[in-house]
Amino acid sequence: MRWLILLIPLLLGVSTSCNIGEFKILALTTHDPSKRKEVTLDWLKKNGEQCSKEQLTGLFNALPEWLGTADNFEIRGLIHEFYRSKE
């Protein structure tokens, strides 16, 4: 049931805040690493500025588990930029 609640905004294309659950669903349900990198980068570009430092830290630390081989310097660098902008 929780997955359905998290998927509804994603399916409707509505995303106006930093909902880390959306990122996790995108990462864990996209099999192809290239596509996974693409969809998670898009999510970060749309929502990353709205994330708190704590959310960004949690996201950064979960990247190896959630992204697997799609985890790279571009995604980590973008998260780092958002984190530094919060200081």
N, C-alpha and C. Protein backbone atom coordinates (compact mmCIF):
# COMPACT_ATOMS: atom_id res chain seq x y z
N MET A 1 0.82 -1.19 0.00
CA MET A 1 0.00 0.00 0.00
C MET A 1 0.87 1.26 0.00
N ARG A 2 1.95 1.23 0.75
CA ARG A 2 2.83 2.40 0.79
C ARG A 2 3.40 2.70 -0.59
N TRP A 3 3.71 1.64 -1.36
CA TRP A 3 4.26 1.84 -2.70
C TRP A 3 3.26 2.57 -3.58
N LEU A 4 1.99 2.25 -3.43
CA LEU A 4 0.96 2.89 -4.23
C LEU A 4 0.88 4.38 -3.90
N ILE A 5 0.95 4.70 -2.64
CA ILE A 5 0.90 6.11 -2.22
C ILE A 5 2.10 6.87 -2.78
N LEU A 6 3.26 6.25 -2.80
CA LEU A 6 4.45 6.90 -3.33
C LEU A 6 4.42 6.97 -4.85
N LEU A 7 3.77 6.00 -5.50
CA LEU A 7 3.75 5.96 -6.95
C LEU A 7 2.75 6.92 -7.59
N ILE A 8 1.68 7.26 -6.89
CA ILE A 8 0.64 8.11 -7.48
C ILE A 8 1.20 9.43 -7.98
N PRO A 9 1.93 10.21 -7.17
CA PRO A 9 2.48 11.46 -7.71
C PRO A 9 3.45 11.23 -8.85
N LEU A 10 4.21 10.15 -8.76
CA LEU A 10 5.18 9.82 -9.80
C LEU A 10 4.47 9.52 -11.12
N LEU A 11 3.41 8.74 -11.05
CA LEU A 11 2.65 8.38 -12.25
C LEU A 11 1.93 9.58 -12.86
N LEU A 12 1.51 10.51 -12.02
CA LEU A 12 0.82 11.69 -12.50
C LEU A 12 1.79 12.78 -12.97
N GLY A 13 3.06 12.57 -12.73
CA GLY A 13 4.06 13.56 -13.13
C GLY A 13 4.09 14.76 -12.21
N VAL A 14 3.58 14.60 -11.01
CA VAL A 14 3.52 15.69 -10.04
C VAL A 14 4.64 15.50 -9.03
N SER A 15 5.50 16.46 -8.95
CA SER A 15 6.58 16.39 -7.99
C SER A 15 7.01 17.82 -7.66
N THR A 16 6.68 18.26 -6.47
CA THR A 16 6.96 19.64 -6.11
C THR A 16 7.82 19.75 -4.86
N SER A 17 8.32 18.63 -4.38
CA SER A 17 9.14 18.68 -3.18
C SER A 17 10.21 17.60 -3.24
N CYS A 18 10.99 17.55 -2.20
CA CYS A 18 12.05 16.55 -2.13
C CYS A 18 11.51 15.31 -1.45
N ASN A 19 10.91 14.44 -2.24
CA ASN A 19 10.39 13.18 -1.72
C ASN A 19 11.40 12.09 -2.09
N ILE A 20 12.23 11.73 -1.14
CA ILE A 20 13.28 10.76 -1.37
C ILE A 20 12.69 9.41 -1.79
N GLY A 21 11.48 9.13 -1.36
CA GLY A 21 10.81 7.90 -1.76
C GLY A 21 10.63 7.81 -3.27
N GLU A 22 10.35 8.92 -3.91
CA GLU A 22 10.22 8.95 -5.37
C GLU A 22 11.54 8.55 -6.03
N PHE A 23 12.62 9.14 -5.52
CA PHE A 23 13.95 8.82 -6.06
C PHE A 23 14.24 7.33 -5.90
N LYS A 24 13.94 6.80 -4.72
CA LYS A 24 14.21 5.39 -4.45
C LYS A 24 13.41 4.49 -5.38
N ILE A 25 12.14 4.81 -5.60
CA ILE A 25 11.30 4.01 -6.49
C ILE A 25 11.85 4.05 -7.91
N LEU A 26 12.23 5.23 -8.38
CA LEU A 26 12.81 5.34 -9.72
C LEU A 26 14.07 4.48 -9.84
N ALA A 27 14.91 4.58 -8.83
CA ALA A 27 16.18 3.85 -8.88
C ALA A 27 15.98 2.34 -8.82
N LEU A 28 15.09 1.89 -7.97
CA LEU A 28 14.93 0.45 -7.75
C LEU A 28 14.04 -0.23 -8.79
N THR A 29 13.28 0.55 -9.55
CA THR A 29 12.39 -0.05 -10.54
C THR A 29 12.87 0.13 -11.98
N THR A 30 14.02 0.77 -12.16
CA THR A 30 14.58 0.95 -13.50
C THR A 30 15.76 0.00 -13.65
N HIS A 31 15.59 -1.01 -14.48
CA HIS A 31 16.59 -2.08 -14.59
C HIS A 31 17.86 -1.64 -15.33
N ASP A 32 17.71 -1.00 -16.46
CA ASP A 32 18.86 -0.61 -17.28
C ASP A 32 19.66 0.49 -16.59
N PRO A 33 20.96 0.28 -16.32
CA PRO A 33 21.76 1.27 -15.61
C PRO A 33 21.82 2.64 -16.31
N SER A 34 21.87 2.65 -17.63
CA SER A 34 21.91 3.93 -18.35
C SER A 34 20.61 4.70 -18.16
N LYS A 35 19.51 4.00 -18.26
CA LYS A 35 18.20 4.62 -18.07
C LYS A 35 18.03 5.05 -16.61
N ARG A 36 18.52 4.22 -15.67
CA ARG A 36 18.44 4.53 -14.24
C ARG A 36 19.21 5.82 -13.95
N LYS A 37 20.38 5.96 -14.55
CA LYS A 37 21.15 7.19 -14.36
C LYS A 37 20.37 8.38 -14.91
N GLU A 38 19.79 8.22 -16.07
CA GLU A 38 19.04 9.30 -16.71
C GLU A 38 17.83 9.75 -15.88
N VAL A 39 17.02 8.80 -15.42
CA VAL A 39 15.81 9.18 -14.69
C VAL A 39 16.13 9.76 -13.31
N THR A 40 17.18 9.24 -12.67
CA THR A 40 17.53 9.80 -11.36
C THR A 40 18.18 11.17 -11.48
N LEU A 41 18.95 11.39 -12.52
CA LEU A 41 19.51 12.73 -12.76
C LEU A 41 18.40 13.74 -13.04
N ASP A 42 17.41 13.33 -13.83
CA ASP A 42 16.27 14.21 -14.10
C ASP A 42 15.55 14.56 -12.81
N TRP A 43 15.35 13.55 -11.96
CA TRP A 43 14.67 13.79 -10.68
C TRP A 43 15.47 14.78 -9.84
N LEU A 44 16.78 14.57 -9.77
CA LEU A 44 17.62 15.47 -8.98
C LEU A 44 17.57 16.90 -9.50
N LYS A 45 17.60 17.07 -10.81
CA LYS A 45 17.57 18.41 -11.39
C LYS A 45 16.26 19.11 -11.10
N LYS A 46 15.17 18.36 -11.03
CA LYS A 46 13.85 18.94 -10.75
C LYS A 46 13.63 19.19 -9.26
N ASN A 47 14.16 18.33 -8.41
CA ASN A 47 13.80 18.36 -6.99
C ASN A 47 14.95 18.60 -6.02
N GLY A 48 16.18 18.48 -6.47
CA GLY A 48 17.32 18.54 -5.57
C GLY A 48 17.45 19.81 -4.77
N GLU A 49 17.10 20.94 -5.36
CA GLU A 49 17.23 22.22 -4.64
C GLU A 49 16.29 22.30 -3.45
N GLN A 50 15.22 21.55 -3.47
CA GLN A 50 14.23 21.60 -2.39
C GLN A 50 14.58 20.67 -1.23
N CYS A 51 15.61 19.86 -1.38
CA CYS A 51 16.00 18.91 -0.34
C CYS A 51 16.79 19.60 0.77
N SER A 52 16.57 19.13 1.98
CA SER A 52 17.35 19.63 3.12
C SER A 52 18.72 18.97 3.12
N LYS A 53 19.61 19.51 3.95
CA LYS A 53 20.94 18.91 4.06
C LYS A 53 20.85 17.46 4.55
N GLU A 54 19.93 17.20 5.46
CA GLU A 54 19.76 15.85 5.99
C GLU A 54 19.27 14.89 4.90
N GLN A 55 18.33 15.34 4.10
CA GLN A 55 17.83 14.51 3.01
C GLN A 55 18.92 14.24 1.98
N LEU A 56 19.69 15.26 1.66
CA LEU A 56 20.77 15.10 0.70
C LEU A 56 21.83 14.13 1.22
N THR A 57 22.13 14.21 2.50
CA THR A 57 23.10 13.29 3.10
C THR A 57 22.60 11.85 3.03
N GLY A 58 21.35 11.64 3.38
CA GLY A 58 20.77 10.31 3.31
C GLY A 58 20.76 9.77 1.89
N LEU A 59 20.41 10.63 0.95
CA LEU A 59 20.39 10.24 -0.45
C LEU A 59 21.79 9.88 -0.94
N PHE A 60 22.76 10.71 -0.61
CA PHE A 60 24.15 10.47 -1.01
C PHE A 60 24.63 9.12 -0.48
N ASN A 61 24.31 8.84 0.78
CA ASN A 61 24.77 7.60 1.41
C ASN A 61 24.07 6.36 0.85
N ALA A 62 22.87 6.52 0.30
CA ALA A 62 22.11 5.38 -0.23
C ALA A 62 22.40 5.10 -1.70
N LEU A 63 23.16 5.95 -2.36
CA LEU A 63 23.39 5.80 -3.80
C LEU A 63 23.95 4.43 -4.21
N PRO A 64 24.95 3.89 -3.53
CA PRO A 64 25.47 2.59 -3.98
C PRO A 64 24.39 1.49 -3.96
N GLU A 65 23.58 1.50 -2.93
CA GLU A 65 22.54 0.48 -2.81
C GLU A 65 21.42 0.69 -3.83
N TRP A 66 20.99 1.93 -4.02
CA TRP A 66 19.84 2.21 -4.88
C TRP A 66 20.21 2.26 -6.36
N LEU A 67 21.40 2.77 -6.68
CA LEU A 67 21.75 2.95 -8.08
C LEU A 67 22.63 1.84 -8.64
N GLY A 68 23.34 1.16 -7.79
CA GLY A 68 24.23 0.11 -8.29
C GLY A 68 25.26 0.67 -9.25
N THR A 69 25.35 0.09 -10.44
CA THR A 69 26.35 0.52 -11.41
C THR A 69 26.05 1.88 -12.04
N ALA A 70 24.86 2.41 -11.82
CA ALA A 70 24.52 3.74 -12.33
C ALA A 70 25.06 4.85 -11.42
N ASP A 71 25.54 4.49 -10.24
CA ASP A 71 26.12 5.45 -9.31
C ASP A 71 27.40 6.00 -9.92
N ASN A 72 27.48 7.33 -10.08
CA ASN A 72 28.67 7.92 -10.71
C ASN A 72 28.94 9.32 -10.19
N PHE A 73 30.03 9.90 -10.68
CA PHE A 73 30.48 11.22 -10.22
C PHE A 73 29.49 12.33 -10.58
N GLU A 74 28.76 12.19 -11.67
CA GLU A 74 27.83 13.25 -12.08
C GLU A 74 26.68 13.38 -11.08
N ILE A 75 26.11 12.28 -10.67
CA ILE A 75 25.02 12.29 -9.69
C ILE A 75 25.54 12.75 -8.34
N ARG A 76 26.67 12.21 -7.93
CA ARG A 76 27.25 12.60 -6.63
C ARG A 76 27.65 14.08 -6.62
N GLY A 77 28.18 14.56 -7.74
CA GLY A 77 28.55 15.97 -7.83
C GLY A 77 27.36 16.89 -7.72
N LEU A 78 26.25 16.52 -8.35
CA LEU A 78 25.04 17.33 -8.29
C LEU A 78 24.50 17.38 -6.87
N ILE A 79 24.48 16.24 -6.20
CA ILE A 79 24.03 16.22 -4.80
C ILE A 79 24.95 17.07 -3.94
N HIS A 80 26.24 16.99 -4.18
CA HIS A 80 27.22 17.79 -3.43
C HIS A 80 26.98 19.29 -3.65
N GLU A 81 26.68 19.68 -4.89
CA GLU A 81 26.40 21.09 -5.18
C GLU A 81 25.18 21.57 -4.41
N PHE A 82 24.11 20.76 -4.40
CA PHE A 82 22.91 21.14 -3.65
C PHE A 82 23.22 21.26 -2.16
N TYR A 83 24.03 20.34 -1.65
CA TYR A 83 24.41 20.36 -0.23
C TYR A 83 25.17 21.63 0.11
N ARG A 84 26.16 21.96 -0.73
CA ARG A 84 26.98 23.17 -0.47
C ARG A 84 26.16 24.44 -0.55
N SER A 85 25.13 24.46 -1.39
CA SER A 85 24.29 25.65 -1.52
C SER A 85 23.45 25.90 -0.27
N LYS A 86 23.32 24.89 0.59
CA LYS A 86 22.53 25.02 1.81
C LYS A 86 23.32 25.66 2.94
N GLU A 87 24.61 25.79 2.79
CA GLU A 87 25.45 26.32 3.88
C GLU A 87 25.32 27.82 4.01
